[in-house]
Amino acid sequence: MKRFRFSLHAVRTLRQHQEQRALRQFGLAIAARTQAARELEDVRRHCDAGWQASRQSIKAGVTAAQLARLGAYCRTMEQLQRQAEAGLSRAQRTVDERWEKLLTVRQQREAVDKYYQRLRGAYERQLSRDEQKALDDMAYHRPTPDTAWKADINAEAN
């Protein structure tokens, strides 16, 4: 019987590569989101520390200029915190988009794989039937003790 040949082999390979690429992009998006979350946490810590220093300075008694500088620092930290929150939000949207893309590409690859498996199973079943048929034919044409004398006569005649 002919060797199994899948006509959509190139499509199957393409789908596998697309899935691997989507998986890598998803992983990079996760790493970027993790980095954005770390940056936000750092900015929040600095902001909290700035406000804490402001409160302690007020209790200790500081000049208006020093208090103004601490206030400006805290406002800058709050602005950086808003920017970091926006960055984290963008990173999360990217993760969500990449996840959807990964799911779509995975479904496409699975559809091709399912078709491949169905064709391969049909091929294997046909191969098994052909082998069984060949074995049955050999068993049918094999001389039995009842017909062995015919094979001996035919061999002597030749």
C-alpha atoms as a PDB file:
ATOM      1  CA  MET A   1       0.000   0.000   0.000  1.00  0.00           C
ATOM      2  CA  LYS A   2       1.117   3.564  -0.597  1.00  0.00           C
ATOM      3  CA  ARG A   3       2.846   5.493   2.127  1.00  0.00           C
ATOM      4  CA  PHE A   4       0.654   7.910   4.094  1.00  0.00           C
ATOM      5  CA  ARG A   5       0.770  11.401   2.659  1.00  0.00           C
ATOM      6  CA  PHE A   6      -1.006  14.363   4.261  1.00  0.00           C
ATOM      7  CA  SER A   7      -1.861  16.957   1.628  1.00  0.00           C
ATOM      8  CA  LEU A   8      -2.086  19.735   4.228  1.00  0.00           C
ATOM      9  CA  HIS A   9       1.341  19.072   5.729  1.00  0.00           C
ATOM     10  CA  ALA A  10       2.521  22.604   4.888  1.00  0.00           C
ATOM     11  CA  VAL A  11      -0.577  24.107   6.505  1.00  0.00           C
ATOM     12  CA  ARG A  12      -0.065  21.957   9.593  1.00  0.00           C
ATOM     13  CA  THR A  13       3.555  23.090   9.878  1.00  0.00           C
ATOM     14  CA  LEU A  14       2.516  26.719   9.382  1.00  0.00           C
ATOM     15  CA  ARG A  15      -0.120  26.443  12.125  1.00  0.00           C
ATOM     16  CA  GLN A  16       2.432  24.928  14.504  1.00  0.00           C
ATOM     17  CA  HIS A  17       4.871  27.775  13.834  1.00  0.00           C
ATOM     18  CA  GLN A  18       2.113  30.352  14.295  1.00  0.00           C
ATOM     19  CA  GLU A  19       1.195  28.813  17.628  1.00  0.00           C
ATOM     20  CA  GLN A  20       4.812  28.825  18.797  1.00  0.00           C
ATOM     21  CA  ARG A  21       5.194  32.472  17.739  1.00  0.00           C
ATOM     22  CA  ALA A  22       1.948  33.442  19.527  1.00  0.00           C
ATOM     23  CA  LEU A  23       3.115  31.597  22.631  1.00  0.00           C
ATOM     24  CA  ARG A  24       6.437  33.475  22.615  1.00  0.00           C
ATOM     25  CA  GLN A  25       4.628  36.807  22.181  1.00  0.00           C
ATOM     26  CA  PHE A  26       2.283  35.929  25.038  1.00  0.00           C
ATOM     27  CA  GLY A  27       5.266  35.109  27.245  1.00  0.00           C
ATOM     28  CA  LEU A  28       6.908  38.434  26.377  1.00  0.00           C
ATOM     29  CA  ALA A  29       3.668  40.272  27.177  1.00  0.00           C
ATOM     30  CA  ILE A  30       3.487  38.520  30.562  1.00  0.00           C
ATOM     31  CA  ALA A  31       7.085  39.542  31.278  1.00  0.00           C
ATOM     32  CA  ALA A  32       6.317  43.156  30.307  1.00  0.00           C
ATOM     33  CA  ARG A  33       3.242  43.186  32.551  1.00  0.00           C
ATOM     34  CA  THR A  34       5.285  41.798  35.444  1.00  0.00           C
ATOM     35  CA  GLN A  35       7.906  44.505  34.901  1.00  0.00           C
ATOM     36  CA  ALA A  36       5.208  47.211  34.778  1.00  0.00           C
ATOM     37  CA  ALA A  37       3.731  45.889  38.037  1.00  0.00           C
ATOM     38  CA  ARG A  38       7.186  46.027  39.681  1.00  0.00           C
ATOM     39  CA  GLU A  39       7.709  49.589  38.492  1.00  0.00           C
ATOM     40  CA  LEU A  40       4.301  50.622  39.843  1.00  0.00           C
ATOM     41  CA  GLU A  41       5.098  49.055  43.195  1.00  0.00           C
ATOM     42  CA  ASP A  42       8.433  50.899  43.338  1.00  0.00           C
ATOM     43  CA  VAL A  43       6.775  54.228  42.547  1.00  0.00           C
ATOM     44  CA  ARG A  44       4.085  53.606  45.178  1.00  0.00           C
ATOM     45  CA  ARG A  45       6.750  52.875  47.765  1.00  0.00           C
ATOM     46  CA  HIS A  46       8.592  56.100  46.895  1.00  0.00           C
ATOM     47  CA  CYS A  47       5.338  58.066  46.983  1.00  0.00           C
ATOM     48  CA  ASP A  48       4.386  56.639  50.368  1.00  0.00           C
ATOM     49  CA  ALA A  49       7.886  57.342  51.673  1.00  0.00           C
ATOM     50  CA  GLY A  50       7.654  60.931  50.428  1.00  0.00           C
ATOM     51  CA  TRP A  51       4.350  61.532  52.165  1.00  0.00           C
ATOM     52  CA  GLN A  52       5.672  59.895  55.336  1.00  0.00           C
ATOM     53  CA  ALA A  53       8.743  62.161  55.221  1.00  0.00           C
ATOM     54  CA  SER A  54       6.424  65.154  54.737  1.00  0.00           C
ATOM     55  CA  ARG A  55       4.368  64.268  57.791  1.00  0.00           C
ATOM     56  CA  GLN A  56       7.466  63.725  59.902  1.00  0.00           C
ATOM     57  CA  SER A  57       8.967  66.999  58.701  1.00  0.00           C
ATOM     58  CA  ILE A  58       5.832  68.898  59.667  1.00  0.00           C
ATOM     59  CA  LYS A  59       5.981  67.375  63.150  1.00  0.00           C
ATOM     60  CA  ALA A  60       9.697  68.206  63.405  1.00  0.00           C
ATOM     61  CA  GLY A  61       9.118  71.741  62.228  1.00  0.00           C
ATOM     62  CA  VAL A  62      10.592  72.607  58.844  1.00  0.00           C
ATOM     63  CA  THR A  63      10.769  75.754  56.787  1.00  0.00           C
ATOM     64  CA  ALA A  64       8.152  76.529  54.171  1.00  0.00           C
ATOM     65  CA  ALA A  65      10.705  76.050  51.368  1.00  0.00           C
ATOM     66  CA  GLN A  66      11.575  72.568  52.569  1.00  0.00           C
ATOM     67  CA  LEU A  67       7.894  71.710  52.911  1.00  0.00           C
ATOM     68  CA  ALA A  68       7.249  73.030  49.388  1.00  0.00           C
ATOM     69  CA  ARG A  69      10.043  70.829  48.032  1.00  0.00           C
ATOM     70  CA  LEU A  70       8.667  67.767  49.805  1.00  0.00           C
ATOM     71  CA  GLY A  71       5.193  68.565  48.461  1.00  0.00           C
ATOM     72  CA  ALA A  72       6.568  68.941  44.910  1.00  0.00           C
ATOM     73  CA  TYR A  73       8.394  65.610  45.300  1.00  0.00           C
ATOM     74  CA  CYS A  74       5.195  63.906  46.459  1.00  0.00           C
ATOM     75  CA  ARG A  75       3.176  65.381  43.576  1.00  0.00           C
ATOM     76  CA  THR A  76       5.850  64.198  41.125  1.00  0.00           C
ATOM     77  CA  MET A  77       5.703  60.722  42.649  1.00  0.00           C
ATOM     78  CA  GLU A  78       1.913  60.716  42.342  1.00  0.00           C
ATOM     79  CA  GLN A  79       2.210  61.697  38.690  1.00  0.00           C
ATOM     80  CA  LEU A  80       4.728  58.910  38.147  1.00  0.00           C
ATOM     81  CA  GLN A  81       2.349  56.551  39.936  1.00  0.00           C
ATOM     82  CA  ARG A  82      -0.488  57.484  37.533  1.00  0.00           C
ATOM     83  CA  GLN A  83       1.849  56.928  34.592  1.00  0.00           C
ATOM     84  CA  ALA A  84       2.923  53.571  35.990  1.00  0.00           C
ATOM     85  CA  GLU A  85      -0.725  52.584  36.507  1.00  0.00           C
ATOM     86  CA  ALA A  86      -1.459  53.522  32.897  1.00  0.00           C
ATOM     87  CA  GLY A  87       1.567  51.485  31.789  1.00  0.00           C
ATOM     88  CA  LEU A  88       0.356  48.502  33.771  1.00  0.00           C
ATOM     89  CA  SER A  89      -3.093  48.863  32.245  1.00  0.00           C
ATOM     90  CA  ARG A  90      -1.601  48.947  28.723  1.00  0.00           C
ATOM     91  CA  ALA A  91       0.530  45.900  29.529  1.00  0.00           C
ATOM     92  CA  GLN A  92      -2.549  44.036  30.790  1.00  0.00           C
ATOM     93  CA  ARG A  93      -4.452  44.873  27.585  1.00  0.00           C
ATOM     94  CA  THR A  94      -1.509  43.568  25.563  1.00  0.00           C
ATOM     95  CA  VAL A  95      -1.514  40.342  27.609  1.00  0.00           C
ATOM     96  CA  ASP A  96      -5.244  39.949  27.002  1.00  0.00           C
ATOM     97  CA  GLU A  97      -4.844  40.550  23.254  1.00  0.00           C
ATOM     98  CA  ARG A  98      -1.965  38.095  22.996  1.00  0.00           C
ATOM     99  CA  TRP A  99      -3.975  35.511  24.949  1.00  0.00           C
ATOM    100  CA  GLU A 100      -6.887  35.839  22.522  1.00  0.00           C
ATOM    101  CA  LYS A 101      -4.492  35.540  19.588  1.00  0.00           C
ATOM    102  CA  LEU A 102      -2.916  32.442  21.147  1.00  0.00           C
ATOM    103  CA  LEU A 103      -6.322  30.829  21.643  1.00  0.00           C
ATOM    104  CA  THR A 104      -7.327  31.560  18.046  1.00  0.00           C
ATOM    105  CA  VAL A 105      -4.093  30.194  16.598  1.00  0.00           C
ATOM    106  CA  ARG A 106      -4.262  27.138  18.866  1.00  0.00           C
ATOM    107  CA  GLN A 107      -7.825  26.377  17.704  1.00  0.00           C
ATOM    108  CA  GLN A 108      -6.714  26.649  14.075  1.00  0.00           C
ATOM    109  CA  ARG A 109      -3.812  24.265  14.693  1.00  0.00           C
ATOM    110  CA  GLU A 110      -6.048  21.828  16.546  1.00  0.00           C
ATOM    111  CA  ALA A 111      -8.520  21.802  13.643  1.00  0.00           C
ATOM    112  CA  VAL A 112      -5.744  20.821  11.222  1.00  0.00           C
ATOM    113  CA  ASP A 113      -4.405  18.236  13.698  1.00  0.00           C
ATOM    114  CA  LYS A 114      -7.859  16.726  14.129  1.00  0.00           C
ATOM    115  CA  TYR A 115      -8.230  16.419  10.350  1.00  0.00           C
ATOM    116  CA  TYR A 116      -4.744  14.875  10.163  1.00  0.00           C
ATOM    117  CA  GLN A 117      -5.595  12.344  12.874  1.00  0.00           C
ATOM    118  CA  ARG A 118      -8.847  11.427  11.159  1.00  0.00           C
ATOM    119  CA  LEU A 119      -7.070  10.818   7.827  1.00  0.00           C
ATOM    120  CA  ARG A 120      -4.221   8.970   9.525  1.00  0.00           C
ATOM    121  CA  GLY A 121      -6.696   6.736  11.376  1.00  0.00           C
ATOM    122  CA  ALA A 122      -8.512   5.933   8.132  1.00  0.00           C
ATOM    123  CA  TYR A 123      -5.163   5.116   6.509  1.00  0.00           C
ATOM    124  CA  GLU A 124      -4.167   2.850   9.418  1.00  0.00           C
ATOM    125  CA  ARG A 125      -7.523   1.036   9.314  1.00  0.00           C
ATOM    126  CA  GLN A 126      -7.229   0.506   5.546  1.00  0.00           C
ATOM    127  CA  LEU A 127      -3.668  -0.729   5.968  1.00  0.00           C
ATOM    128  CA  SER A 128      -4.832  -3.183   8.623  1.00  0.00           C
ATOM    129  CA  ARG A 129      -7.654  -4.425   6.369  1.00  0.00           C
ATOM    130  CA  ASP A 130      -5.242  -4.900   3.451  1.00  0.00           C
ATOM    131  CA  GLU A 131      -2.800  -6.828   5.631  1.00  0.00           C
ATOM    132  CA  GLN A 132      -5.591  -9.022   6.957  1.00  0.00           C
ATOM    133  CA  LYS A 133      -6.799  -9.641   3.408  1.00  0.00           C
ATOM    134  CA  ALA A 134      -3.300 -10.681   2.331  1.00  0.00           C
ATOM    135  CA  LEU A 135      -3.053 -13.049   5.298  1.00  0.00           C
ATOM    136  CA  ASP A 136      -6.487 -14.489   4.512  1.00  0.00           C
ATOM    137  CA  ASP A 137      -5.511 -15.017   0.881  1.00  0.00           C
ATOM    138  CA  MET A 138      -2.313 -16.783   1.894  1.00  0.00           C
ATOM    139  CA  ALA A 139      -4.215 -18.991   4.312  1.00  0.00           C
ATOM    140  CA  TYR A 140      -6.837 -19.783   1.670  1.00  0.00           C
ATOM    141  CA  HIS A 141      -4.266 -20.796  -0.958  1.00  0.00           C
ATOM    142  CA  ARG A 142      -2.033 -22.731   1.446  1.00  0.00           C
ATOM    143  CA  PRO A 143      -2.160 -26.453   0.863  1.00  0.00           C
ATOM    144  CA  THR A 144      -3.927 -28.361   3.597  1.00  0.00           C
ATOM    145  CA  PRO A 145      -3.377 -32.022   4.383  1.00  0.00           C
ATOM    146  CA  ASP A 146      -6.502 -32.850   2.329  1.00  0.00           C
ATOM    147  CA  THR A 147      -5.161 -31.105  -0.774  1.00  0.00           C
ATOM    148  CA  ALA A 148      -1.455 -31.713  -0.272  1.00  0.00           C
ATOM    149  CA  TRP A 149      -1.524 -34.649  -2.704  1.00  0.00           C
ATOM    150  CA  LYS A 150      -2.652 -32.247  -5.494  1.00  0.00           C
ATOM    151  CA  ALA A 151       0.378 -30.063  -4.874  1.00  0.00           C
ATOM    152  CA  ASP A 152       2.633 -33.179  -5.024  1.00  0.00           C
ATOM    153  CA  ILE A 153       1.079 -34.335  -8.325  1.00  0.00           C
ATOM    154  CA  ASN A 154       1.436 -30.871  -9.844  1.00  0.00           C
ATOM    155  CA  ALA A 155       5.066 -30.726  -8.750  1.00  0.00           C
ATOM    156  CA  GLU A 156       5.811 -34.153 -10.326  1.00  0.00           C
ATOM    157  CA  ALA A 157       4.119 -33.197 -13.582  1.00  0.00           C
ATOM    158  CA  ASN A 158       6.316 -30.170 -14.037  1.00  0.00           C
END
